[in-house]
Amino acid sequence: MSLSRREAIGAALALPLATQVARAAPAVSLPDRTGFASTPVAYFDNASTHPISLGAQAAINAYVAGRTLDPAAAARKPVDRAGVIAKFARLVNADPDEVTWVQSTTMGEQAVLRALGFPEKGGRIVTDTLHFYAAFPMYQEMARQGVDVAWVMAREGRIMPQDMARAITPGTKLVSLSLVSTYNGFQHDLKSVCDRAHSVGALVYADIIHAAGAVPVDLHGSGVDFAATATYKWLMGDFGLGFLYARRGVLDALPRTEYGYYGFAAPDAPPGIGLSPPQTHVFPMDPPGGAPTSYVVRPGTLGHFGTGTYAQGIAGALDHSLDRIAALGVPAIQAHAQSLIGELCEGLRAKGYAIITPPGTTTPLLTALLPNARALLTDPLAKAQVRLSLHDHHFRISPSIFNDGRDVERLLNALPRA
């Protein structure tokens, strides 16, 4: 079978990544179309919201059955939520006790800012204009309240390492960035940033929502101090549940600012996230005590940042999805996306589109500049049943494990010339 020129270019671009996993091919090959519900839509908006797989849907349905007191559900083994934390930790090269649940990436980032005393204690924060743009107002508000916020501006679709290094001056307290940019897929050299920050006594927070599950992530290897992600993108979970990582030892010098049900336990409670609430001393038949409760602070990130209840039904979906990601292997997932992006790049350029994702990027996000993109492309894409991320003056394509060459062909055919 002969390859088209587009397919040949896509395959050539993906080859360096594919060779990393050639000896450990998963039982199911990519694209994985059977793992997801059949749809007439060529869906390329995975960087906004990833579809839930059929296996994850079954896990959610099982949770709902239990919540409705379905007798059949009572016999099912409950989701090992500590095991889900452990699976995520393995995915990003962290230890389970360095990870806890959060509602969202933003909630994790804000918890880190509170722990560091922002904005009340002031200090210098370095961030950049390829960080999550919805976080911009947060740092602008910090600046209004007296925090020294330094913005590193993007050049040629990148944050230049020398620009970041110049901004991280002695006295910097925090460097905050997105490991992979939601705007155009640019990826930081996280270890280089952390090395520079640590050399002046600063800590580093990374938003990894566009990295975890999509590209290899090595939190321990990078030296990053904090990281957070939600699960509705490349982890194939849903809204309302994410993970917060804090490097072992980094919390020792920070005050506790989060207080909640999961952060405290009975004095004799085993470690982990199981239910073992503090021992009360105020109700009938309670043992006596000198305070309303006796408790210990749970160890690790859970004890420092654990608060209230979380979206437990999504934990079941993640239990399935994290297994699937591990079975396929992130390098294979990344290589598959790059093979499609190679075809897309050639097709977009042939139609006159200006690609603003930096050359050499190996993340699954491809962004093109187009004035009035939303107005010009909404109707033709809807007619062709193609979905991607449309903005006022750019559009973003983000292929995932179920996309194939037919989807690429339909998208390119639906796009008018620029």
Protein backbone atom coordinates (compact mmCIF):
# COMPACT_ATOMS: atom_id res chain seq x y z
CA MET A 1 0.00 0.00 0.00
CA SER A 2 1.42 3.41 -0.97
CA LEU A 3 1.32 6.43 1.32
CA SER A 4 0.09 9.85 0.33
CA ARG A 5 2.62 12.68 0.59
CA ARG A 6 0.81 13.98 3.69
CA GLU A 7 0.83 10.55 5.32
CA ALA A 8 4.51 10.08 4.52
CA ILE A 9 5.42 13.42 6.09
CA GLY A 10 3.30 12.70 9.15
CA ALA A 11 4.91 9.30 9.57
CA ALA A 12 8.40 10.78 9.22
CA LEU A 13 7.72 13.36 11.90
CA ALA A 14 6.38 10.72 14.27
CA LEU A 15 9.18 8.20 13.70
CA PRO A 16 11.60 9.48 16.39
CA LEU A 17 8.84 9.19 18.98
CA ALA A 18 7.52 5.87 17.71
CA THR A 19 10.92 4.20 17.96
CA GLN A 20 10.89 4.85 21.70
CA VAL A 21 8.01 2.42 22.13
CA ALA A 22 8.49 -0.07 19.32
CA ARG A 23 9.54 -2.83 21.69
CA ALA A 24 6.59 -2.33 24.05
CA ALA A 25 3.58 -2.06 21.75
CA PRO A 26 0.23 -2.19 23.61
CA ALA A 27 -2.28 -4.95 23.05
CA VAL A 28 -4.58 -2.50 21.24
CA SER A 29 -3.09 -0.43 18.47
CA LEU A 30 -3.73 3.23 17.71
CA PRO A 31 -6.02 4.76 16.64
CA ASP A 32 -8.34 3.38 19.31
CA ARG A 33 -11.75 3.99 17.76
CA THR A 34 -13.56 1.07 19.39
CA GLY A 35 -12.88 2.37 22.89
CA PHE A 36 -15.15 5.38 22.33
CA ALA A 37 -18.76 5.82 21.30
CA SER A 38 -19.37 6.05 17.58
CA THR A 39 -19.97 9.63 16.44
CA PRO A 40 -20.53 11.34 13.09
CA VAL A 41 -18.26 14.18 14.24
CA ALA A 42 -14.57 14.40 13.40
CA TYR A 43 -13.61 15.59 16.88
CA PHE A 44 -10.39 17.60 17.22
CA ASP A 45 -11.19 19.57 20.38
CA ASN A 46 -9.61 17.18 22.87
CA ALA A 47 -7.49 19.96 24.40
CA SER A 48 -10.73 21.61 25.50
CA THR A 49 -12.71 18.57 26.65
CA HIS A 50 -11.71 14.99 25.91
CA PRO A 51 -14.53 12.50 25.24
CA ILE A 52 -15.15 9.93 27.96
CA SER A 53 -14.31 6.42 26.83
CA LEU A 54 -16.83 3.58 26.94
CA GLY A 55 -14.90 1.93 29.75
CA ALA A 56 -14.89 5.12 31.80
CA GLN A 57 -18.60 5.55 31.10
CA ALA A 58 -19.23 2.05 32.47
CA ALA A 59 -17.31 2.94 35.62
CA ILE A 60 -19.38 6.10 36.10
CA ASN A 61 -22.58 4.13 35.53
CA ALA A 62 -21.50 1.63 38.18
CA TYR A 63 -20.94 4.45 40.63
CA VAL A 64 -24.37 5.94 39.87
CA ALA A 65 -25.95 2.51 40.35
CA GLY A 66 -24.47 2.36 43.80
CA ARG A 67 -25.72 5.85 44.59
CA THR A 68 -29.23 4.79 43.60
CA LEU A 69 -28.99 1.79 45.97
CA ASP A 70 -29.19 -0.67 43.10
CA PRO A 71 -28.89 -4.07 44.84
CA ALA A 72 -26.68 -5.39 42.05
CA ALA A 73 -24.22 -2.58 42.63
CA ALA A 74 -23.66 -3.55 46.26
CA ALA A 75 -21.75 -6.65 45.16
CA ARG A 76 -19.28 -4.67 43.06
CA LYS A 77 -15.87 -3.90 44.45
CA PRO A 78 -15.59 -0.17 45.24
CA VAL A 79 -13.04 1.94 43.44
CA ASP A 80 -9.65 1.96 45.16
CA ARG A 81 -9.24 5.72 45.34
CA ALA A 82 -5.80 5.50 46.90
CA GLY A 83 -4.93 3.25 43.98
CA VAL A 84 -6.07 5.94 41.54
CA ILE A 85 -3.76 8.45 43.23
CA ALA A 86 -0.94 5.91 42.91
CA LYS A 87 -1.65 5.39 39.20
CA PHE A 88 -1.50 9.12 38.53
CA ALA A 89 1.69 9.41 40.56
CA ARG A 90 3.32 6.71 38.42
CA LEU A 91 2.21 8.49 35.26
CA VAL A 92 4.03 11.70 36.21
CA ASN A 93 6.91 10.13 38.20
CA ALA A 94 5.86 11.21 41.66
CA ASP A 95 5.19 9.40 44.93
CA PRO A 96 1.57 8.85 46.01
CA ASP A 97 2.03 10.79 49.25
CA GLU A 98 3.05 13.83 47.20
CA VAL A 99 -0.37 13.92 45.48
CA THR A 100 -3.87 14.77 46.61
CA TRP A 101 -7.23 15.53 45.04
CA VAL A 102 -8.29 19.03 44.02
CA GLN A 103 -11.42 20.32 42.32
CA SER A 104 -9.55 21.81 39.38
CA THR A 105 -6.17 23.00 38.16
CA THR A 106 -7.00 26.57 39.19
CA MET A 107 -7.97 25.45 42.69
CA GLY A 108 -4.59 23.76 42.98
CA GLU A 109 -2.75 26.85 41.79
CA GLN A 110 -4.63 29.07 44.21
CA ALA A 111 -3.91 26.70 47.10
CA VAL A 112 -0.20 27.02 46.31
CA LEU A 113 -0.43 30.81 46.21
CA ARG A 114 -2.18 30.85 49.59
CA ALA A 115 0.44 28.55 51.12
CA LEU A 116 3.16 30.93 49.93
CA GLY A 117 1.39 33.90 51.53
CA PHE A 118 0.23 35.67 48.38
CA PRO A 119 -0.91 38.35 48.16
CA GLU A 120 -0.70 39.38 51.83
CA LYS A 121 3.03 38.79 52.34
CA GLY A 122 4.02 40.15 48.95
CA GLY A 123 7.11 39.08 47.06
CA ARG A 124 8.03 38.52 43.43
CA ILE A 125 6.18 36.15 41.08
CA VAL A 126 7.49 35.41 37.59
CA THR A 127 4.96 34.14 35.06
CA ASP A 128 4.67 34.27 31.29
CA THR A 129 2.18 35.05 28.56
CA LEU A 130 1.88 31.41 27.46
CA HIS A 131 0.58 30.44 30.91
CA PHE A 132 -3.14 29.67 31.06
CA TYR A 133 -4.74 32.91 29.90
CA ALA A 134 -7.63 32.61 32.37
CA ALA A 135 -5.02 32.86 35.13
CA PHE A 136 -3.89 36.27 33.85
CA PRO A 137 -6.51 38.18 35.87
CA MET A 138 -5.42 36.32 39.01
CA TYR A 139 -1.86 37.59 38.65
CA GLN A 140 -3.05 41.04 37.61
CA GLU A 141 -5.07 41.14 40.85
CA MET A 142 -1.99 40.04 42.77
CA ALA A 143 -0.10 42.96 41.25
CA ARG A 144 -2.91 45.36 42.22
CA GLN A 145 -2.49 44.15 45.81
CA GLY A 146 1.21 44.86 45.93
CA VAL A 147 2.80 41.68 44.59
CA ASP A 148 5.75 42.22 42.23
CA VAL A 149 4.52 40.28 39.18
CA ALA A 150 6.96 39.97 36.28
CA TRP A 151 5.57 38.92 32.88
CA VAL A 152 7.87 37.13 30.43
CA MET A 153 6.56 37.88 26.94
CA ALA A 154 6.37 35.23 24.22
CA ARG A 155 8.54 35.63 21.14
CA GLU A 156 7.94 33.60 17.99
CA GLY A 157 5.41 31.50 19.86
CA ARG A 158 7.90 30.55 22.57
CA ILE A 159 9.06 31.65 25.98
CA MET A 160 12.77 32.02 25.36
CA PRO A 161 14.91 30.40 28.07
CA GLN A 162 17.15 33.47 28.29
CA ASP A 163 14.14 35.73 28.83
CA MET A 164 12.85 33.49 31.62
CA ALA A 165 16.31 33.29 33.22
CA ARG A 166 16.66 37.10 33.22
CA ALA A 167 13.28 37.51 34.90
CA ILE A 168 14.05 35.05 37.72
CA THR A 169 16.11 37.42 39.83
CA PRO A 170 17.29 37.04 43.44
CA GLY A 171 14.30 37.59 45.70
CA THR A 172 11.88 35.82 43.37
CA LYS A 173 9.48 33.78 45.48
CA LEU A 174 7.56 31.82 42.85
CA VAL A 175 7.76 30.99 39.15
CA SER A 176 4.35 30.01 37.77
CA LEU A 177 3.91 28.54 34.29
CA SER A 178 2.08 26.06 32.13
CA LEU A 179 4.33 23.16 31.18
CA VAL A 180 2.43 22.98 27.87
CA SER A 181 0.68 26.13 26.68
CA THR A 182 -3.06 25.93 26.08
CA TYR A 183 -2.64 28.60 23.39
CA ASN A 184 -0.25 26.96 20.97
CA GLY A 185 1.25 23.83 22.55
CA PHE A 186 4.66 25.34 23.39
CA GLN A 187 6.44 23.25 26.03
CA HIS A 188 8.89 24.59 28.60
CA ASP A 189 12.14 22.89 29.50
CA LEU A 190 10.86 22.49 33.05
CA LYS A 191 14.12 21.25 34.56
CA SER A 192 15.98 24.26 33.19
CA VAL A 193 13.41 26.64 34.68
CA CYS A 194 13.52 24.83 38.03
CA ASP A 195 17.32 24.86 38.13
CA ARG A 196 17.35 28.61 37.55
CA ALA A 197 14.57 29.27 40.07
CA HIS A 198 16.12 27.13 42.79
CA SER A 199 19.47 28.85 42.30
CA VAL A 200 17.91 32.09 43.62
CA GLY A 201 15.72 30.43 46.26
CA ALA A 202 12.45 30.49 44.29
CA LEU A 203 9.87 27.72 44.05
CA VAL A 204 8.18 26.61 40.81
CA TYR A 205 4.54 25.80 40.10
CA ALA A 206 3.57 24.05 36.84
CA ASP A 207 0.10 23.73 35.35
CA ILE A 208 0.32 20.29 33.70
CA ILE A 209 -3.22 19.98 32.36
CA HIS A 210 -1.99 19.84 28.74
CA ALA A 211 0.93 17.57 29.56
CA ALA A 212 -0.19 14.72 31.84
CA GLY A 213 -1.38 11.87 29.65
CA ALA A 214 -0.31 13.59 26.43
CA VAL A 215 3.48 13.92 26.69
CA PRO A 216 5.98 12.31 29.08
CA VAL A 217 6.03 14.13 32.43
CA ASP A 218 8.79 13.60 35.02
CA LEU A 219 8.00 15.66 38.10
CA HIS A 220 10.83 14.23 40.19
CA GLY A 221 13.31 14.58 37.36
CA SER A 222 12.37 18.19 36.70
CA GLY A 223 12.64 19.25 40.33
CA VAL A 224 9.35 21.16 40.14
CA ASP A 225 7.93 22.05 43.53
CA PHE A 226 4.20 22.10 42.76
CA ALA A 227 2.03 20.92 39.89
CA ALA A 228 -1.70 20.64 39.30
CA THR A 229 -4.06 19.32 36.68
CA ALA A 230 -7.72 18.64 36.14
CA THR A 231 -8.78 15.38 34.50
CA TYR A 232 -11.24 16.31 31.75
CA LYS A 233 -8.58 16.76 29.07
CA TRP A 234 -5.80 14.24 28.35
CA LEU A 235 -6.49 12.12 31.45
CA MET A 236 -9.94 11.40 29.97
CA GLY A 237 -11.83 11.94 33.22
CA ASP A 238 -14.35 14.72 33.76
CA PHE A 239 -14.91 18.13 35.29
CA GLY A 240 -14.71 18.58 39.05
CA LEU A 241 -11.69 16.42 39.89
CA GLY A 242 -7.96 16.89 39.52
CA PHE A 243 -4.64 16.32 41.22
CA LEU A 244 -2.24 18.55 43.15
CA TYR A 245 1.41 17.60 43.58
CA ALA A 246 3.83 19.03 46.12
CA ARG A 247 7.42 17.85 46.20
CA ARG A 248 8.43 15.99 49.35
CA GLY A 249 10.07 18.35 51.83
CA VAL A 250 8.92 21.58 50.20
CA LEU A 251 5.90 21.85 52.51
CA ASP A 252 8.01 21.71 55.68
CA ALA A 253 8.69 25.45 55.57
CA LEU A 254 5.18 26.49 54.58
CA PRO A 255 2.26 27.25 56.90
CA ARG A 256 -0.91 25.21 56.52
CA THR A 257 -3.64 27.27 54.88
CA GLU A 258 -6.17 24.56 53.95
CA TYR A 259 -8.27 22.88 56.64
CA GLY A 260 -10.76 20.17 55.83
CA TYR A 261 -12.18 16.72 56.37
CA TYR A 262 -9.53 14.83 54.44
CA GLY A 263 -6.53 16.63 55.89
CA PHE A 264 -7.11 15.37 59.43
CA ALA A 265 -7.60 11.90 60.91
CA ALA A 266 -8.10 10.06 64.17
CA PRO A 267 -4.90 9.71 66.20
CA ASP A 268 -4.57 6.00 65.36
CA ALA A 269 -5.67 6.27 61.70
CA PRO A 270 -3.64 4.46 59.05
CA PRO A 271 -2.02 6.64 56.38
CA GLY A 272 -3.81 7.26 53.10
CA ILE A 273 -7.11 8.76 52.05
CA GLY A 274 -9.46 6.34 53.79
CA LEU A 275 -12.16 7.72 56.08
CA SER A 276 -11.00 7.96 59.69
CA PRO A 277 -12.30 11.26 61.04
CA PRO A 278 -10.92 12.88 64.18
CA GLN A 279 -12.06 11.41 67.49
CA THR A 280 -14.76 13.62 69.01
CA HIS A 281 -15.06 14.37 72.74
CA VAL A 282 -18.33 16.32 72.85
CA PHE A 283 -21.11 13.82 72.08
CA PRO A 284 -22.80 11.26 74.37
CA MET A 285 -20.56 8.22 75.03
CA ASP A 286 -17.48 9.91 73.53
CA PRO A 287 -14.23 9.31 75.42
CA PRO A 288 -13.20 12.31 77.52
CA GLY A 289 -10.74 14.82 76.13
CA GLY A 290 -9.43 18.29 76.76
CA ALA A 291 -10.61 19.63 73.40
CA PRO A 292 -13.59 19.02 71.07
CA THR A 293 -11.52 16.51 69.04
CA SER A 294 -8.30 14.55 69.04
CA TYR A 295 -6.63 14.30 65.65
CA VAL A 296 -3.45 14.04 63.69
CA VAL A 297 -2.57 15.81 60.46
CA ARG A 298 -2.28 13.33 57.64
CA PRO A 299 1.19 13.10 56.14
CA GLY A 300 2.33 14.56 52.85
CA THR A 301 0.37 16.66 50.40
CA LEU A 302 -2.95 15.24 51.58
CA GLY A 303 -2.38 16.60 55.08
CA HIS A 304 -1.30 20.01 53.84
CA PHE A 305 -3.86 20.55 51.08
CA GLY A 306 -6.62 17.98 51.64
CA THR A 307 -9.96 19.69 52.21
CA GLY A 308 -13.51 18.45 51.65
CA THR A 309 -15.28 15.92 49.51
CA TYR A 310 -14.43 15.45 45.86
CA ALA A 311 -16.14 14.06 42.76
CA GLN A 312 -15.94 10.39 43.64
CA GLY A 313 -17.76 9.10 40.57
CA ILE A 314 -15.00 10.52 38.38
CA ALA A 315 -12.41 8.56 40.36
CA GLY A 316 -13.90 5.40 38.88
CA ALA A 317 -13.59 6.80 35.37
CA LEU A 318 -9.97 7.72 36.07
CA ASP A 319 -9.28 4.24 37.39
CA HIS A 320 -10.14 2.97 33.90
CA SER A 321 -8.55 5.83 31.94
CA LEU A 322 -5.23 5.79 33.77
CA ASP A 323 -4.98 2.05 33.15
CA ARG A 324 -5.66 2.66 29.46
CA ILE A 325 -3.04 5.41 29.22
CA ALA A 326 -0.49 3.20 30.98
CA ALA A 327 -1.25 0.25 28.68
CA LEU A 328 -0.86 2.32 25.53
CA GLY A 329 2.13 4.23 26.87
CA VAL A 330 2.43 8.00 26.72
CA PRO A 331 5.24 7.90 24.11
CA ALA A 332 2.96 5.90 21.80
CA ILE A 333 0.08 8.31 22.40
CA GLN A 334 2.41 11.22 21.67
CA ALA A 335 3.76 9.58 18.49
CA HIS A 336 0.25 8.93 17.21
CA ALA A 337 -0.74 12.56 17.70
CA GLN A 338 2.42 13.74 15.97
CA SER A 339 1.75 11.56 12.92
CA LEU A 340 -1.61 13.32 12.50
CA ILE A 341 -0.16 16.75 13.24
CA GLY A 342 2.43 16.21 10.53
CA GLU A 343 -0.37 15.72 7.98
CA LEU A 344 -2.28 18.67 9.38
CA CYS A 345 0.72 21.01 9.18
CA GLU A 346 1.27 20.28 5.52
CA GLY A 347 -2.43 20.61 4.71
CA LEU A 348 -2.82 23.90 6.58
CA ARG A 349 0.21 25.44 4.92
CA ALA A 350 -1.02 24.34 1.49
CA LYS A 351 -4.21 26.29 2.16
CA GLY A 352 -2.34 29.40 3.25
CA TYR A 353 -2.77 29.20 7.04
CA ALA A 354 -0.10 30.66 9.34
CA ILE A 355 0.82 28.08 11.98
CA ILE A 356 1.82 29.66 15.29
CA THR A 357 2.77 26.47 17.11
CA PRO A 358 6.59 26.60 17.21
CA PRO A 359 8.43 24.24 14.84
CA GLY A 360 9.66 21.12 16.58
CA THR A 361 6.82 21.09 19.13
CA THR A 362 5.86 17.53 20.12
CA THR A 363 2.67 18.23 22.05
CA PRO A 364 -0.79 17.37 20.64
CA LEU A 365 -1.83 21.00 20.09
CA LEU A 366 -1.61 22.75 16.73
CA THR A 367 -2.67 26.39 16.45
CA ALA A 368 -3.09 28.52 13.36
CA LEU A 369 -3.59 32.28 13.13
CA LEU A 370 -6.62 33.50 11.18
CA PRO A 371 -8.29 36.91 11.51
CA ASN A 372 -11.99 36.50 12.35
CA ALA A 373 -11.51 32.74 12.66
CA ARG A 374 -14.71 32.14 14.61
CA ALA A 375 -16.86 34.06 12.16
CA LEU A 376 -15.25 32.53 9.07
CA LEU A 377 -15.05 28.90 10.13
CA THR A 378 -18.09 28.21 12.31
CA ASP A 379 -20.47 27.42 9.45
CA PRO A 380 -18.19 25.36 7.17
CA LEU A 381 -16.95 23.25 10.07
CA ALA A 382 -20.47 22.66 11.37
CA LYS A 383 -21.64 21.64 7.90
CA ALA A 384 -18.78 19.13 7.62
CA GLN A 385 -19.38 17.90 11.19
CA VAL A 386 -15.87 18.79 12.27
CA ARG A 387 -15.20 20.17 15.72
CA LEU A 388 -12.11 22.03 16.89
CA SER A 389 -11.39 24.99 19.14
CA LEU A 390 -12.42 28.26 17.47
CA HIS A 391 -11.39 31.67 18.79
CA ASP A 392 -11.67 35.20 17.50
CA HIS A 393 -8.40 35.20 15.57
CA HIS A 394 -6.98 31.68 15.82
CA PHE A 395 -8.07 28.07 15.87
CA ARG A 396 -6.57 25.09 17.66
CA ILE A 397 -6.57 21.45 16.54
CA SER A 398 -5.85 18.75 19.11
CA PRO A 399 -5.92 15.11 17.95
CA SER A 400 -6.14 12.21 20.37
CA ILE A 401 -5.95 8.43 20.41
CA PHE A 402 -9.21 7.82 18.48
CA ASN A 403 -8.48 10.20 15.58
CA ASP A 404 -7.20 8.86 12.29
CA GLY A 405 -6.28 9.97 8.78
CA ARG A 406 -9.90 10.07 7.68
CA ASP A 407 -10.61 12.67 10.35
CA VAL A 408 -7.64 14.70 9.13
CA GLU A 409 -8.87 14.52 5.55
CA ARG A 410 -12.34 15.68 6.51
CA LEU A 411 -10.99 18.59 8.53
CA LEU A 412 -8.69 19.78 5.76
CA ASN A 413 -11.45 19.47 3.16
CA ALA A 414 -13.78 21.52 5.37
CA LEU A 415 -11.35 24.43 5.76
CA PRO A 416 -11.58 27.14 3.11
CA ARG A 417 -8.40 28.71 1.84
CA ALA A 418 -7.02 31.33 4.23
